[in-house]
Amino acid sequence: MTLTLPTPASPLKIGTRGSPLALAQAYETRRRLSTAFDLPEDAFEIVVIKTTGDNRAMIDADRPLKEVGNKGLFTKEIEEAMLKGEIDIAVHSTKDMPVAQPQGLVLDTFLPREDVRDAFISPGLNSIHDLPRGAVVGTSSLRRRAQLLNRRPDLKVVEFRGNVQTRLKKLADGVADCTFLAMAGLRRLEMADVPATAISPDDMLPAIAQGAIGIERRNDDSRAAGMLAAIHHPETAQRLAAERSLLAGLDGSCETPIAGLAEIRDGQLRLRGEVLRPDGTESIHEEAFGPVESGAKMGQAMADTLLKKAGPNFFDWH
């Protein structure tokens, strides 16, 4: 089938949220498509869409994200625009995406994954291990909160939401002694000047799909499917198949402290998973190895094991 490529007069419309990181990811997608098909940048139009999550996050900036809503709050309006034909594709941070897409949409394109690690950020400290007793940690992530309190119950954790720039300003204002961001976000924003130390996944297992850009489309849009196939990264997709299957099996959301990471080495997939009580008082880990193509089955099996070990009410807030 011959693709009808976009032109400056009839551009491919790329939907995204308006944060600096979301825009950087949209620009990366545009650049890869432009290069793959030797098209000018103006054959693509970046369409910024404000989501319910963006609005509520600004209004309720000091409330925990679990009280504001789940992952879908940050995708609903973008997906509605795509179903209406107002945009052709949507660029997302895959870690923010629900595991199921609305009817008529598919998330099946992933760009090469960036650094999966969390970044420890502090003006005067180099690592988690340098934090004094009773130090104040700023984070909006239930996963990071639970992981930190599991290791250091003496720490005080305060709500720290907003985009990268907002969080860094709060840190500069002395609201907390340190905070955490994703290394991938710092790299995509080219923020090498931020005092960040990468945390080994052995010390802090990252969020599922952290560092991966996912691109969503209508499932009946053959042009978008054909173009996106040219920039799709199969290894990232294989790793995410395992991680997102684990998440689906755990019924994970922004309200659940879950971590997971799949890695491929020498043709074998290694999957690690972790669930924690929200207050950090208990953590359960699992690890599995298997063929790359069995990632989704491994994820589901690991989810079943973790749920069995956790028992009922494990994720309830005390």
C-alpha atoms as a PDB file:
ATOM      1  CA  MET A   1       0.000   0.000   0.000  1.00  0.00           C
ATOM      2  CA  THR A   2       1.312   3.449  -0.920  1.00  0.00           C
ATOM      3  CA  LEU A   3       1.162   5.938   1.937  1.00  0.00           C
ATOM      4  CA  THR A   4      -0.312   9.369   1.334  1.00  0.00           C
ATOM      5  CA  LEU A   5       2.248  11.462   3.166  1.00  0.00           C
ATOM      6  CA  PRO A   6       1.356  14.699   4.959  1.00  0.00           C
ATOM      7  CA  THR A   7       2.311  18.070   3.496  1.00  0.00           C
ATOM      8  CA  PRO A   8       2.571  21.597   4.919  1.00  0.00           C
ATOM      9  CA  ALA A   9      -0.864  22.254   3.400  1.00  0.00           C
ATOM     10  CA  SER A  10      -2.312  19.121   4.998  1.00  0.00           C
ATOM     11  CA  PRO A  11      -0.127  18.277   7.993  1.00  0.00           C
ATOM     12  CA  LEU A  12      -0.203  15.243  10.265  1.00  0.00           C
ATOM     13  CA  LYS A  13      -1.576  16.530  13.575  1.00  0.00           C
ATOM     14  CA  ILE A  14       0.308  15.414  16.677  1.00  0.00           C
ATOM     15  CA  GLY A  15      -1.619  15.787  19.946  1.00  0.00           C
ATOM     16  CA  THR A  16       0.154  16.378  23.242  1.00  0.00           C
ATOM     17  CA  ARG A  17      -0.148  17.963  26.657  1.00  0.00           C
ATOM     18  CA  GLY A  18       1.475  21.369  26.992  1.00  0.00           C
ATOM     19  CA  SER A  19       4.175  20.819  29.613  1.00  0.00           C
ATOM     20  CA  PRO A  20       7.789  21.355  28.537  1.00  0.00           C
ATOM     21  CA  LEU A  21       8.476  17.608  28.819  1.00  0.00           C
ATOM     22  CA  ALA A  22       5.347  16.641  26.846  1.00  0.00           C
ATOM     23  CA  LEU A  23       6.317  19.099  24.114  1.00  0.00           C
ATOM     24  CA  ALA A  24       9.889  17.770  24.029  1.00  0.00           C
ATOM     25  CA  GLN A  25       8.469  14.283  23.461  1.00  0.00           C
ATOM     26  CA  ALA A  26       6.178  15.540  20.696  1.00  0.00           C
ATOM     27  CA  TYR A  27       9.128  17.297  19.022  1.00  0.00           C
ATOM     28  CA  GLU A  28      11.161  14.081  19.200  1.00  0.00           C
ATOM     29  CA  THR A  29       8.323  12.194  17.531  1.00  0.00           C
ATOM     30  CA  ARG A  30       8.064  14.850  14.821  1.00  0.00           C
ATOM     31  CA  ARG A  31      11.815  14.744  14.235  1.00  0.00           C
ATOM     32  CA  ARG A  32      11.863  10.962  13.870  1.00  0.00           C
ATOM     33  CA  LEU A  33       8.914  10.986  11.448  1.00  0.00           C
ATOM     34  CA  SER A  34      10.403  13.863   9.485  1.00  0.00           C
ATOM     35  CA  THR A  35      13.712  12.006   9.137  1.00  0.00           C
ATOM     36  CA  ALA A  36      12.110   8.647   8.308  1.00  0.00           C
ATOM     37  CA  PHE A  37      10.072  10.087   5.430  1.00  0.00           C
ATOM     38  CA  ASP A  38      12.319  13.016   4.422  1.00  0.00           C
ATOM     39  CA  LEU A  39       9.559  15.519   5.161  1.00  0.00           C
ATOM     40  CA  PRO A  40       9.840  19.151   6.291  1.00  0.00           C
ATOM     41  CA  GLU A  41       8.907  19.901   9.912  1.00  0.00           C
ATOM     42  CA  ASP A  42       5.896  21.913   8.779  1.00  0.00           C
ATOM     43  CA  ALA A  43       4.371  18.742   7.353  1.00  0.00           C
ATOM     44  CA  PHE A  44       3.510  18.122  11.006  1.00  0.00           C
ATOM     45  CA  GLU A  45       1.431  20.246  13.373  1.00  0.00           C
ATOM     46  CA  ILE A  46       1.856  20.053  17.141  1.00  0.00           C
ATOM     47  CA  VAL A  47      -1.585  20.427  18.755  1.00  0.00           C
ATOM     48  CA  VAL A  48      -1.521  21.224  22.492  1.00  0.00           C
ATOM     49  CA  ILE A  49      -4.532  19.925  24.422  1.00  0.00           C
ATOM     50  CA  LYS A  50      -5.217  20.812  28.055  1.00  0.00           C
ATOM     51  CA  THR A  51      -6.519  17.813  29.988  1.00  0.00           C
ATOM     52  CA  THR A  52      -8.725  17.527  33.039  1.00  0.00           C
ATOM     53  CA  GLY A  53      -5.652  16.373  34.938  1.00  0.00           C
ATOM     54  CA  ASP A  54      -3.727  19.514  33.985  1.00  0.00           C
ATOM     55  CA  ASN A  55      -6.573  21.738  35.180  1.00  0.00           C
ATOM     56  CA  ARG A  56      -7.145  19.863  38.421  1.00  0.00           C
ATOM     57  CA  ALA A  57      -3.428  19.567  39.107  1.00  0.00           C
ATOM     58  CA  MET A  58      -3.141  23.356  39.040  1.00  0.00           C
ATOM     59  CA  ILE A  59      -6.218  23.853  41.222  1.00  0.00           C
ATOM     60  CA  ASP A  60      -5.305  21.110  43.701  1.00  0.00           C
ATOM     61  CA  ALA A  61      -1.513  21.499  43.592  1.00  0.00           C
ATOM     62  CA  ASP A  62      -1.059  20.588  47.257  1.00  0.00           C
ATOM     63  CA  ARG A  63      -3.314  17.534  47.296  1.00  0.00           C
ATOM     64  CA  PRO A  64      -1.916  14.024  46.722  1.00  0.00           C
ATOM     65  CA  LEU A  65      -2.460  12.811  43.164  1.00  0.00           C
ATOM     66  CA  LYS A  66      -4.534   9.866  44.401  1.00  0.00           C
ATOM     67  CA  GLU A  67      -7.139  12.392  45.600  1.00  0.00           C
ATOM     68  CA  VAL A  68      -7.145  14.266  42.296  1.00  0.00           C
ATOM     69  CA  GLY A  69      -7.756  11.221  40.109  1.00  0.00           C
ATOM     70  CA  ASN A  70      -6.183   8.399  38.143  1.00  0.00           C
ATOM     71  CA  LYS A  71      -4.005   8.143  35.042  1.00  0.00           C
ATOM     72  CA  GLY A  72      -6.906   8.659  32.643  1.00  0.00           C
ATOM     73  CA  LEU A  73      -7.304  12.265  33.781  1.00  0.00           C
ATOM     74  CA  PHE A  74      -4.228  13.156  31.742  1.00  0.00           C
ATOM     75  CA  THR A  75      -5.340  11.445  28.526  1.00  0.00           C
ATOM     76  CA  LYS A  76      -9.138  11.794  28.272  1.00  0.00           C
ATOM     77  CA  GLU A  77      -9.368  15.027  26.262  1.00  0.00           C
ATOM     78  CA  ILE A  78      -6.484  14.017  23.981  1.00  0.00           C
ATOM     79  CA  GLU A  79      -8.120  10.704  23.172  1.00  0.00           C
ATOM     80  CA  GLU A  80     -11.495  12.372  22.597  1.00  0.00           C
ATOM     81  CA  ALA A  81      -9.847  14.772  20.129  1.00  0.00           C
ATOM     82  CA  MET A  82      -8.336  11.834  18.263  1.00  0.00           C
ATOM     83  CA  LEU A  83     -11.628   9.957  18.065  1.00  0.00           C
ATOM     84  CA  LYS A  84     -13.214  13.114  16.621  1.00  0.00           C
ATOM     85  CA  GLY A  85     -10.451  13.353  13.999  1.00  0.00           C
ATOM     86  CA  GLU A  86      -9.089  16.634  15.392  1.00  0.00           C
ATOM     87  CA  ILE A  87      -5.631  15.069  15.745  1.00  0.00           C
ATOM     88  CA  ASP A  88      -4.067  12.068  13.998  1.00  0.00           C
ATOM     89  CA  ILE A  89      -1.731  10.696  16.661  1.00  0.00           C
ATOM     90  CA  ALA A  90      -1.039  11.403  20.336  1.00  0.00           C
ATOM     91  CA  VAL A  91       2.314  11.339  22.109  1.00  0.00           C
ATOM     92  CA  HIS A  92       2.367  10.177  25.728  1.00  0.00           C
ATOM     93  CA  SER A  93       4.697   9.256  28.562  1.00  0.00           C
ATOM     94  CA  THR A  94       3.798   5.573  28.633  1.00  0.00           C
ATOM     95  CA  LYS A  95       4.109   5.409  32.421  1.00  0.00           C
ATOM     96  CA  ASP A  96       1.121   7.802  32.603  1.00  0.00           C
ATOM     97  CA  MET A  97      -1.059   5.645  30.343  1.00  0.00           C
ATOM     98  CA  PRO A  98      -3.842   3.326  31.525  1.00  0.00           C
ATOM     99  CA  VAL A  99      -3.248  -0.256  30.433  1.00  0.00           C
ATOM    100  CA  ALA A 100      -6.434  -0.270  28.339  1.00  0.00           C
ATOM    101  CA  GLN A 101      -7.250   2.202  25.576  1.00  0.00           C
ATOM    102  CA  PRO A 102     -10.736   3.474  24.662  1.00  0.00           C
ATOM    103  CA  GLN A 103     -12.548   1.575  21.934  1.00  0.00           C
ATOM    104  CA  GLY A 104     -11.245   2.669  18.545  1.00  0.00           C
ATOM    105  CA  LEU A 105      -7.756   3.609  19.750  1.00  0.00           C
ATOM    106  CA  VAL A 106      -4.536   1.624  19.977  1.00  0.00           C
ATOM    107  CA  LEU A 107      -1.185   2.272  21.685  1.00  0.00           C
ATOM    108  CA  ASP A 108       1.256   0.146  19.707  1.00  0.00           C
ATOM    109  CA  THR A 109       4.188   2.408  18.807  1.00  0.00           C
ATOM    110  CA  PHE A 110       7.086   3.044  21.168  1.00  0.00           C
ATOM    111  CA  LEU A 111      10.243   5.071  20.627  1.00  0.00           C
ATOM    112  CA  PRO A 112      13.634   3.821  21.856  1.00  0.00           C
ATOM    113  CA  ARG A 113      13.537   3.902  25.635  1.00  0.00           C
ATOM    114  CA  GLU A 114      15.530   6.500  27.527  1.00  0.00           C
ATOM    115  CA  ASP A 115      17.255   6.048  30.899  1.00  0.00           C
ATOM    116  CA  VAL A 116      14.788   4.198  33.167  1.00  0.00           C
ATOM    117  CA  ARG A 117      16.320   5.318  36.459  1.00  0.00           C
ATOM    118  CA  ASP A 118      15.027   7.783  39.016  1.00  0.00           C
ATOM    119  CA  ALA A 119      17.118  10.867  39.740  1.00  0.00           C
ATOM    120  CA  PHE A 120      17.916  12.077  43.257  1.00  0.00           C
ATOM    121  CA  ILE A 121      17.950  15.871  43.243  1.00  0.00           C
ATOM    122  CA  SER A 122      19.292  18.013  46.052  1.00  0.00           C
ATOM    123  CA  PRO A 123      21.314  21.255  46.156  1.00  0.00           C
ATOM    124  CA  GLY A 124      23.624  19.949  48.874  1.00  0.00           C
ATOM    125  CA  LEU A 125      23.390  16.148  49.013  1.00  0.00           C
ATOM    126  CA  ASN A 126      24.577  13.468  46.606  1.00  0.00           C
ATOM    127  CA  SER A 127      22.370  10.462  47.365  1.00  0.00           C
ATOM    128  CA  ILE A 128      19.571   9.012  49.459  1.00  0.00           C
ATOM    129  CA  HIS A 129      22.216   7.660  51.827  1.00  0.00           C
ATOM    130  CA  ASP A 130      23.339  11.219  52.648  1.00  0.00           C
ATOM    131  CA  LEU A 131      19.921  12.275  53.977  1.00  0.00           C
ATOM    132  CA  PRO A 132      20.051  13.090  57.714  1.00  0.00           C
ATOM    133  CA  ARG A 133      17.473  11.673  60.104  1.00  0.00           C
ATOM    134  CA  GLY A 134      14.128  13.424  59.790  1.00  0.00           C
ATOM    135  CA  ALA A 135      15.000  15.016  56.444  1.00  0.00           C
ATOM    136  CA  VAL A 136      12.108  16.376  54.371  1.00  0.00           C
ATOM    137  CA  VAL A 137      11.573  14.680  51.005  1.00  0.00           C
ATOM    138  CA  GLY A 138       9.285  16.170  48.360  1.00  0.00           C
ATOM    139  CA  THR A 139       7.492  13.789  46.013  1.00  0.00           C
ATOM    140  CA  SER A 140       4.025  13.284  44.538  1.00  0.00           C
ATOM    141  CA  SER A 141       4.734   9.663  43.611  1.00  0.00           C
ATOM    142  CA  LEU A 142       3.136   7.042  45.844  1.00  0.00           C
ATOM    143  CA  ARG A 143       5.721   4.552  44.598  1.00  0.00           C
ATOM    144  CA  ARG A 144       8.704   6.715  45.550  1.00  0.00           C
ATOM    145  CA  ARG A 145       7.073   7.671  48.846  1.00  0.00           C
ATOM    146  CA  ALA A 146       6.493   4.032  49.812  1.00  0.00           C
ATOM    147  CA  GLN A 147       9.954   2.926  48.654  1.00  0.00           C
ATOM    148  CA  LEU A 148      11.643   5.689  50.663  1.00  0.00           C
ATOM    149  CA  LEU A 149       9.629   5.107  53.825  1.00  0.00           C
ATOM    150  CA  ASN A 150      10.229   1.370  53.530  1.00  0.00           C
ATOM    151  CA  ARG A 151      13.971   2.002  53.698  1.00  0.00           C
ATOM    152  CA  ARG A 152      13.940   5.150  55.846  1.00  0.00           C
ATOM    153  CA  PRO A 153      10.823   5.424  58.025  1.00  0.00           C
ATOM    154  CA  ASP A 154      12.392   8.429  59.790  1.00  0.00           C
ATOM    155  CA  LEU A 155      12.009  10.637  56.698  1.00  0.00           C
ATOM    156  CA  LYS A 156       9.208  13.181  56.385  1.00  0.00           C
ATOM    157  CA  VAL A 157       7.519  13.139  52.962  1.00  0.00           C
ATOM    158  CA  VAL A 158       5.645  16.199  51.688  1.00  0.00           C
ATOM    159  CA  GLU A 159       3.508  16.599  48.548  1.00  0.00           C
ATOM    160  CA  PHE A 160       5.571  17.893  45.625  1.00  0.00           C
ATOM    161  CA  ARG A 161       3.617  18.100  42.394  1.00  0.00           C
ATOM    162  CA  GLY A 162       3.965  19.986  39.132  1.00  0.00           C
ATOM    163  CA  ASN A 163       6.205  19.853  36.089  1.00  0.00           C
ATOM    164  CA  VAL A 164       9.989  19.642  36.306  1.00  0.00           C
ATOM    165  CA  GLN A 165      10.466  23.397  36.551  1.00  0.00           C
ATOM    166  CA  THR A 166       7.816  23.763  39.280  1.00  0.00           C
ATOM    167  CA  ARG A 167       9.389  21.038  41.403  1.00  0.00           C
ATOM    168  CA  LEU A 168      12.873  22.487  41.059  1.00  0.00           C
ATOM    169  CA  LYS A 169      11.584  25.898  42.173  1.00  0.00           C
ATOM    170  CA  LYS A 170       9.982  24.335  45.267  1.00  0.00           C
ATOM    171  CA  LEU A 171      13.311  22.694  46.052  1.00  0.00           C
ATOM    172  CA  ALA A 172      15.150  26.011  45.624  1.00  0.00           C
ATOM    173  CA  ASP A 173      12.596  27.648  47.942  1.00  0.00           C
ATOM    174  CA  GLY A 174      13.507  25.196  50.711  1.00  0.00           C
ATOM    175  CA  VAL A 175      10.195  23.321  50.798  1.00  0.00           C
ATOM    176  CA  ALA A 176      12.183  20.054  50.989  1.00  0.00           C
ATOM    177  CA  ASP A 177      15.763  18.798  51.293  1.00  0.00           C
ATOM    178  CA  CYS A 178      15.510  16.710  48.131  1.00  0.00           C
ATOM    179  CA  THR A 179      13.153  15.527  45.438  1.00  0.00           C
ATOM    180  CA  PHE A 180      13.065  12.928  42.693  1.00  0.00           C
ATOM    181  CA  LEU A 181      12.495  13.082  38.953  1.00  0.00           C
ATOM    182  CA  ALA A 182      12.942  10.625  36.101  1.00  0.00           C
ATOM    183  CA  MET A 183      16.373  10.690  34.474  1.00  0.00           C
ATOM    184  CA  ALA A 184      14.619  10.353  31.123  1.00  0.00           C
ATOM    185  CA  GLY A 185      12.774  13.634  31.599  1.00  0.00           C
ATOM    186  CA  LEU A 186      15.938  15.504  32.539  1.00  0.00           C
ATOM    187  CA  ARG A 187      17.725  14.121  29.489  1.00  0.00           C
ATOM    188  CA  ARG A 188      14.880  14.981  27.114  1.00  0.00           C
ATOM    189  CA  LEU A 189      14.765  18.510  28.505  1.00  0.00           C
ATOM    190  CA  GLU A 190      18.574  18.730  28.219  1.00  0.00           C
ATOM    191  CA  MET A 191      18.796  19.788  31.859  1.00  0.00           C
ATOM    192  CA  ALA A 192      22.344  18.621  32.497  1.00  0.00           C
ATOM    193  CA  ASP A 193      22.822  21.504  34.961  1.00  0.00           C
ATOM    194  CA  VAL A 194      20.314  20.067  37.446  1.00  0.00           C
ATOM    195  CA  PRO A 195      22.163  18.537  40.445  1.00  0.00           C
ATOM    196  CA  ALA A 196      20.901  15.007  39.776  1.00  0.00           C
ATOM    197  CA  THR A 197      22.318  11.625  40.771  1.00  0.00           C
ATOM    198  CA  ALA A 198      20.948   8.540  38.991  1.00  0.00           C
ATOM    199  CA  ILE A 199      19.618   5.888  41.393  1.00  0.00           C
ATOM    200  CA  SER A 200      20.326   2.261  40.560  1.00  0.00           C
ATOM    201  CA  PRO A 201      17.190   0.154  39.979  1.00  0.00           C
ATOM    202  CA  ASP A 202      18.626  -2.126  42.674  1.00  0.00           C
ATOM    203  CA  ASP A 203      18.089   0.716  45.156  1.00  0.00           C
ATOM    204  CA  MET A 204      14.829   2.096  43.729  1.00  0.00           C
ATOM    205  CA  LEU A 205      12.960   0.050  41.156  1.00  0.00           C
ATOM    206  CA  PRO A 206      11.417   2.515  38.673  1.00  0.00           C
ATOM    207  CA  ALA A 207       7.815   3.041  37.657  1.00  0.00           C
ATOM    208  CA  ILE A 208       6.464   0.687  35.047  1.00  0.00           C
ATOM    209  CA  ALA A 209       7.245   2.000  31.520  1.00  0.00           C
ATOM    210  CA  GLN A 210       9.397   4.845  32.894  1.00  0.00           C
ATOM    211  CA  GLY A 211      11.470   6.486  30.147  1.00  0.00           C
ATOM    212  CA  ALA A 212       9.299   5.225  27.275  1.00  0.00           C
ATOM    213  CA  ILE A 213       7.390   7.423  24.826  1.00  0.00           C
ATOM    214  CA  GLY A 214       4.212   5.783  23.515  1.00  0.00           C
ATOM    215  CA  ILE A 215       2.282   6.956  20.461  1.00  0.00           C
ATOM    216  CA  GLU A 216      -1.462   6.350  20.219  1.00  0.00           C
ATOM    217  CA  ARG A 217      -3.569   6.321  17.027  1.00  0.00           C
ATOM    218  CA  ARG A 218      -6.988   5.361  15.724  1.00  0.00           C
ATOM    219  CA  ASN A 219      -6.994   1.661  14.951  1.00  0.00           C
ATOM    220  CA  ASP A 220      -8.542   2.236  11.519  1.00  0.00           C
ATOM    221  CA  ASP A 221      -6.015   4.894  10.451  1.00  0.00           C
ATOM    222  CA  SER A 222      -3.814   3.032   7.983  1.00  0.00           C
ATOM    223  CA  ARG A 223      -1.703   6.102   7.145  1.00  0.00           C
ATOM    224  CA  ALA A 224      -0.797   6.718  10.780  1.00  0.00           C
ATOM    225  CA  ALA A 225      -0.121   2.997  11.254  1.00  0.00           C
ATOM    226  CA  GLY A 226       2.197   2.912   8.254  1.00  0.00           C
ATOM    227  CA  MET A 227       4.110   6.007   9.260  1.00  0.00           C
ATOM    228  CA  LEU A 228       4.481   5.014  12.897  1.00  0.00           C
ATOM    229  CA  ALA A 229       5.782   1.569  11.928  1.00  0.00           C
ATOM    230  CA  ALA A 230       8.866   3.342  10.546  1.00  0.00           C
ATOM    231  CA  ILE A 231       9.838   4.750  13.954  1.00  0.00           C
ATOM    232  CA  HIS A 232       8.655   1.897  16.198  1.00  0.00           C
ATOM    233  CA  HIS A 233      11.298   0.295  18.450  1.00  0.00           C
ATOM    234  CA  PRO A 234      10.535  -3.442  18.874  1.00  0.00           C
ATOM    235  CA  GLU A 235      12.789  -4.056  21.892  1.00  0.00           C
ATOM    236  CA  THR A 236      11.100  -1.290  23.880  1.00  0.00           C
ATOM    237  CA  ALA A 237       7.733  -2.787  22.955  1.00  0.00           C
ATOM    238  CA  GLN A 238       8.854  -6.226  24.140  1.00  0.00           C
ATOM    239  CA  ARG A 239       9.976  -4.848  27.478  1.00  0.00           C
ATOM    240  CA  LEU A 240       6.776  -2.852  27.939  1.00  0.00           C
ATOM    241  CA  ALA A 241       4.624  -5.858  27.073  1.00  0.00           C
ATOM    242  CA  ALA A 242       5.980  -7.549  30.199  1.00  0.00           C
ATOM    243  CA  GLU A 243       5.777  -4.478  32.421  1.00  0.00           C
ATOM    244  CA  ARG A 244       2.306  -3.384  31.359  1.00  0.00           C
ATOM    245  CA  SER A 245       1.011  -6.941  31.688  1.00  0.00           C
ATOM    246  CA  LEU A 246       2.306  -6.919  35.266  1.00  0.00           C
ATOM    247  CA  LEU A 247       0.548  -3.598  35.842  1.00  0.00           C
ATOM    248  CA  ALA A 248      -2.695  -4.863  34.304  1.00  0.00           C
ATOM    249  CA  GLY A 249      -2.613  -7.982  36.471  1.00  0.00           C
ATOM    250  CA  LEU A 250      -2.169  -5.844  39.577  1.00  0.00           C
ATOM    251  CA  ASP A 251      -4.919  -3.466  38.454  1.00  0.00           C
ATOM    252  CA  GLY A 252      -2.395  -0.697  38.947  1.00  0.00           C
ATOM    253  CA  SER A 253      -3.151   3.012  38.955  1.00  0.00           C
ATOM    254  CA  CYS A 254      -1.763   6.236  40.383  1.00  0.00           C
ATOM    255  CA  GLU A 255      -3.300   5.097  43.681  1.00  0.00           C
ATOM    256  CA  THR A 256      -1.121   1.979  43.939  1.00  0.00           C
ATOM    257  CA  PRO A 257       2.597   1.779  44.831  1.00  0.00           C
ATOM    258  CA  ILE A 258       3.902  -0.549  42.106  1.00  0.00           C
ATOM    259  CA  ALA A 259       7.345  -0.724  40.492  1.00  0.00           C
ATOM    260  CA  GLY A 260       8.554  -2.896  37.645  1.00  0.00           C
ATOM    261  CA  LEU A 261      11.332  -3.207  35.111  1.00  0.00           C
ATOM    262  CA  ALA A 262      11.945  -5.565  32.193  1.00  0.00           C
ATOM    263  CA  GLU A 263      15.410  -5.835  30.651  1.00  0.00           C
ATOM    264  CA  ILE A 264      16.649  -7.879  27.689  1.00  0.00           C
ATOM    265  CA  ARG A 265      20.122  -9.359  27.712  1.00  0.00           C
ATOM    266  CA  ASP A 266      21.507 -12.081  25.459  1.00  0.00           C
ATOM    267  CA  GLY A 267      18.045 -12.819  24.122  1.00  0.00           C
ATOM    268  CA  GLN A 268      16.534 -13.381  27.558  1.00  0.00           C
ATOM    269  CA  LEU A 269      14.048 -11.186  29.395  1.00  0.00           C
ATOM    270  CA  ARG A 270      14.503 -10.376  33.072  1.00  0.00           C
ATOM    271  CA  LEU A 271      11.426  -8.993  34.840  1.00  0.00           C
ATOM    272  CA  ARG A 272      11.459  -7.485  38.318  1.00  0.00           C
ATOM    273  CA  GLY A 273       8.351  -6.380  40.169  1.00  0.00           C
ATOM    274  CA  GLU A 274       7.593  -4.772  43.522  1.00  0.00           C
ATOM    275  CA  VAL A 275       4.431  -3.868  45.400  1.00  0.00           C
ATOM    276  CA  LEU A 276       4.437  -1.858  48.611  1.00  0.00           C
ATOM    277  CA  ARG A 277       2.018  -0.850  51.301  1.00  0.00           C
ATOM    278  CA  PRO A 278       1.246   2.850  50.790  1.00  0.00           C
ATOM    279  CA  ASP A 279       2.864   3.736  54.134  1.00  0.00           C
ATOM    280  CA  GLY A 280       6.027   1.814  53.254  1.00  0.00           C
ATOM    281  CA  THR A 281       5.715  -0.672  56.114  1.00  0.00           C
ATOM    282  CA  GLU A 282       5.951  -3.688  53.803  1.00  0.00           C
ATOM    283  CA  SER A 283       7.454  -4.445  50.404  1.00  0.00           C
ATOM    284  CA  ILE A 284       7.136  -7.597  48.294  1.00  0.00           C
ATOM    285  CA  HIS A 285       9.564  -8.327  45.444  1.00  0.00           C
ATOM    286  CA  GLU A 286       9.542 -10.867  42.633  1.00  0.00           C
ATOM    287  CA  GLU A 287      11.969 -11.633  39.817  1.00  0.00           C
ATOM    288  CA  ALA A 288      11.605 -13.871  36.757  1.00  0.00           C
ATOM    289  CA  PHE A 289      13.574 -14.837  33.651  1.00  0.00           C
ATOM    290  CA  GLY A 290      12.246 -16.162  30.371  1.00  0.00           C
ATOM    291  CA  PRO A 291      12.123 -15.908  26.583  1.00  0.00           C
ATOM    292  CA  VAL A 292      11.551 -12.393  25.243  1.00  0.00           C
ATOM    293  CA  GLU A 293       8.344 -13.410  23.463  1.00  0.00           C
ATOM    294  CA  SER A 294       6.792 -14.654  26.720  1.00  0.00           C
ATOM    295  CA  GLY A 295       6.967 -11.238  28.416  1.00  0.00           C
ATOM    296  CA  ALA A 296       3.208 -10.700  28.653  1.00  0.00           C
ATOM    297  CA  LYS A 297       2.687 -14.146  30.225  1.00  0.00           C
ATOM    298  CA  MET A 298       5.546 -13.503  32.644  1.00  0.00           C
ATOM    299  CA  GLY A 299       3.989 -10.217  33.686  1.00  0.00           C
ATOM    300  CA  GLN A 300       0.615 -11.793  34.359  1.00  0.00           C
ATOM    301  CA  ALA A 301       2.162 -14.694  36.282  1.00  0.00           C
ATOM    302  CA  MET A 302       4.208 -12.301  38.410  1.00  0.00           C
ATOM    303  CA  ALA A 303       1.123 -10.205  39.139  1.00  0.00           C
ATOM    304  CA  ASP A 304      -0.721 -13.329  40.325  1.00  0.00           C
ATOM    305  CA  THR A 305       2.188 -14.263  42.599  1.00  0.00           C
ATOM    306  CA  LEU A 306       2.495 -10.772  44.083  1.00  0.00           C
ATOM    307  CA  LEU A 307      -1.244 -10.524  44.734  1.00  0.00           C
ATOM    308  CA  LYS A 308      -1.251 -13.925  46.411  1.00  0.00           C
ATOM    309  CA  LYS A 309       1.657 -12.921  48.658  1.00  0.00           C
ATOM    310  CA  ALA A 310       0.158  -9.521  49.429  1.00  0.00           C
ATOM    311  CA  GLY A 311      -3.257 -10.784  50.416  1.00  0.00           C
ATOM    312  CA  PRO A 312      -6.407  -8.663  50.792  1.00  0.00           C
ATOM    313  CA  ASN A 313      -6.255  -5.012  51.864  1.00  0.00           C
ATOM    314  CA  PHE A 314      -2.520  -4.760  51.161  1.00  0.00           C
ATOM    315  CA  PHE A 315      -2.895  -1.463  49.294  1.00  0.00           C
ATOM    316  CA  ASP A 316      -5.311   0.125  51.766  1.00  0.00           C
ATOM    317  CA  TRP A 317      -4.257   3.385  53.387  1.00  0.00           C
ATOM    318  CA  HIS A 318      -3.986   3.261  57.171  1.00  0.00           C
END
